[in-house]
Amino acid sequence: AAKYSELEAEKTSIEAELQDRIESHNAEVESIRENLTHMQTKLTDAESQSAALKAEMERHIDGLKTELDASHAKSIDLESSLVAEREASAAKYSELEAEKTSLKAELQDRIKSLQLDVDTSRDNLTQMETILANAESQSAA
């Protein structure tokens, strides 16, 4: 009986120790579950923030692409405008050069004509002086 009581007491002690260990493990398991739940919540929050940030970045990138496309189109328009202006300026320059050449030739023709008129007038004056001198010498004789 004493041996039985001793074994019974040892059994009760072992069961109590086992119960303490089970409760300790259960407490650890519960703590781990709470930590996992907390981590899962943090992970879900982080995923939500990441998705929101990704969406914001995509909107920003789309905005930059739109700005870049608009800037590129503006650049092409400006380049076309500059090419057109350059071509118009070149045409105007050619036109002015042709006009200058024409006016220069016209001026040279006019100068030659005036020179011819001056030479003709000088010859006429010389002839008149000669006629006048002949008339004076005939009149004096």
Protein backbone atom coordinates (compact mmCIF):
# COMPACT_ATOMS: atom_id res chain seq x y z
CA ALA A 1 0.00 0.00 0.00
CA ALA A 2 2.81 2.36 0.83
CA LYS A 3 4.47 1.46 -2.43
CA TYR A 4 1.14 2.07 -4.18
CA SER A 5 0.77 5.43 -2.46
CA GLU A 6 4.29 6.31 -3.41
CA LEU A 7 3.67 5.33 -7.02
CA GLU A 8 0.36 7.17 -6.96
CA ALA A 9 2.10 10.29 -5.59
CA GLU A 10 4.83 9.95 -8.22
CA LYS A 11 2.16 9.52 -10.88
CA THR A 12 0.32 12.60 -9.60
CA SER A 13 3.60 14.52 -9.53
CA ILE A 14 4.45 13.39 -13.07
CA GLU A 15 0.92 14.26 -14.25
CA ALA A 16 1.17 17.69 -12.59
CA GLU A 17 4.58 18.25 -14.17
CA LEU A 18 3.22 17.02 -17.49
CA GLN A 19 0.20 19.30 -17.11
CA ASP A 20 2.53 22.22 -16.35
CA ARG A 21 4.58 21.40 -19.45
CA ILE A 22 1.43 21.09 -21.58
CA GLU A 23 0.16 24.42 -20.28
CA SER A 24 3.57 25.97 -20.88
CA HIS A 25 3.68 24.57 -24.42
CA ASN A 26 0.09 25.68 -25.00
CA ALA A 27 1.02 29.16 -23.79
CA GLU A 28 4.02 29.16 -26.16
CA VAL A 29 1.84 27.89 -29.00
CA GLU A 30 -0.72 30.62 -28.25
CA SER A 31 2.04 33.23 -28.13
CA ILE A 32 3.37 31.94 -31.45
CA ARG A 33 -0.20 32.06 -32.89
CA GLU A 34 -0.59 35.64 -31.70
CA ASN A 35 2.78 36.55 -33.19
CA LEU A 36 1.82 34.84 -36.47
CA THR A 37 -1.53 36.65 -36.49
CA HIS A 38 0.24 39.95 -35.82
CA MET A 39 2.80 39.19 -38.55
CA GLN A 40 0.00 38.20 -40.94
CA THR A 41 -1.72 41.51 -40.25
CA LYS A 42 1.54 43.39 -40.81
CA LEU A 43 2.15 41.41 -44.01
CA THR A 44 -1.37 42.18 -45.27
CA ASP A 45 -0.87 45.87 -44.45
CA ALA A 46 2.51 45.86 -46.19
CA GLU A 47 0.99 44.17 -49.26
CA SER A 48 -1.78 46.79 -49.34
CA GLN A 49 0.76 49.61 -49.01
CA SER A 50 2.92 47.99 -51.67
CA ALA A 51 -0.04 47.68 -54.06
CA ALA A 52 -1.02 51.30 -53.42
CA LEU A 53 2.57 52.45 -53.94
CA LYS A 54 2.82 50.38 -57.13
CA ALA A 55 -0.42 51.91 -58.44
CA GLU A 56 0.83 55.40 -57.58
CA MET A 57 4.16 54.73 -59.31
CA GLU A 58 2.35 53.42 -62.41
CA ARG A 59 0.18 56.56 -62.49
CA HIS A 60 3.30 58.69 -62.12
CA ILE A 61 5.09 56.75 -64.89
CA ASP A 62 2.02 57.07 -67.13
CA GLY A 63 1.99 60.81 -66.43
CA LEU A 64 5.68 61.06 -67.32
CA LYS A 65 5.09 59.05 -70.50
CA THR A 66 2.25 61.40 -71.44
CA GLU A 67 4.48 64.43 -70.79
CA LEU A 68 7.29 62.83 -72.78
CA ASP A 69 4.97 62.05 -75.71
CA ALA A 70 3.62 65.62 -75.65
CA SER A 71 7.15 67.02 -75.46
CA HIS A 72 8.25 64.77 -78.32
CA ALA A 73 5.29 65.87 -80.46
CA LYS A 74 6.05 69.51 -79.63
CA SER A 75 9.70 68.95 -80.56
CA ILE A 76 8.69 67.43 -83.90
CA ASP A 77 6.33 70.36 -84.56
CA LEU A 78 9.05 72.84 -83.66
CA GLU A 79 11.58 71.06 -85.84
CA SER A 80 9.12 71.04 -88.77
CA SER A 81 8.43 74.72 -88.20
CA LEU A 82 12.14 75.52 -88.13
CA VAL A 83 12.74 73.51 -91.31
CA ALA A 84 9.88 75.35 -93.01
CA GLU A 85 11.26 78.72 -91.82
CA ARG A 86 14.74 77.79 -93.01
CA GLU A 87 13.41 76.75 -96.41
CA ALA A 88 11.33 79.95 -96.65
CA SER A 89 14.39 82.01 -95.68
CA ALA A 90 16.51 80.21 -98.27
CA ALA A 91 13.85 80.86 -100.93
CA LYS A 92 13.61 84.53 -99.92
CA TYR A 93 17.41 84.80 -99.97
CA SER A 94 17.51 83.30 -103.48
CA GLU A 95 14.76 85.68 -104.56
CA LEU A 96 16.64 88.67 -103.11
CA GLU A 97 19.90 87.54 -104.72
CA ALA A 98 18.15 87.26 -108.10
CA GLU A 99 16.60 90.70 -107.62
CA LYS A 100 19.98 92.13 -106.60
CA THR A 101 21.62 90.64 -109.70
CA SER A 102 18.83 91.99 -111.88
CA LEU A 103 19.01 95.46 -110.30
CA LYS A 104 22.80 95.46 -110.64
CA ALA A 105 22.55 94.60 -114.34
CA GLU A 106 19.83 97.23 -114.79
CA LEU A 107 21.97 99.81 -112.98
CA GLN A 108 24.99 98.96 -115.13
CA ASP A 109 22.85 99.31 -118.29
CA ARG A 110 21.54 102.66 -117.02
CA ILE A 111 25.10 103.87 -116.26
CA LYS A 112 26.23 102.85 -119.76
CA SER A 113 23.20 104.64 -121.25
CA LEU A 114 23.93 107.79 -119.22
CA GLN A 115 27.62 107.60 -120.21
CA LEU A 116 26.56 107.30 -123.84
CA ASP A 117 24.23 110.31 -123.40
CA VAL A 118 27.10 112.29 -121.79
CA ASP A 119 29.47 111.32 -124.63
CA THR A 120 26.84 112.22 -127.24
CA SER A 121 26.16 115.55 -125.52
CA ARG A 122 29.91 116.28 -125.37
CA ASP A 123 30.28 115.45 -129.08
CA ASN A 124 27.30 117.67 -129.89
CA LEU A 125 28.77 120.48 -127.79
CA THR A 126 32.12 120.10 -129.51
CA GLN A 127 30.40 120.21 -132.93
CA MET A 128 28.46 123.32 -131.90
CA GLU A 129 31.63 125.01 -130.66
CA THR A 130 33.30 124.16 -133.96
CA ILE A 131 30.33 125.52 -135.95
CA LEU A 132 30.27 128.64 -133.78
CA ALA A 133 34.02 129.15 -134.17
CA ASN A 134 33.74 128.71 -137.97
CA ALA A 135 30.83 131.12 -138.08
CA GLU A 136 32.78 133.69 -136.04
CA SER A 137 35.85 133.35 -138.23
CA GLN A 138 33.73 133.74 -141.40
CA SER A 139 31.97 136.67 -139.90
CA ALA A 140 35.30 138.31 -138.95
CA ALA A 141 36.65 137.82 -142.43
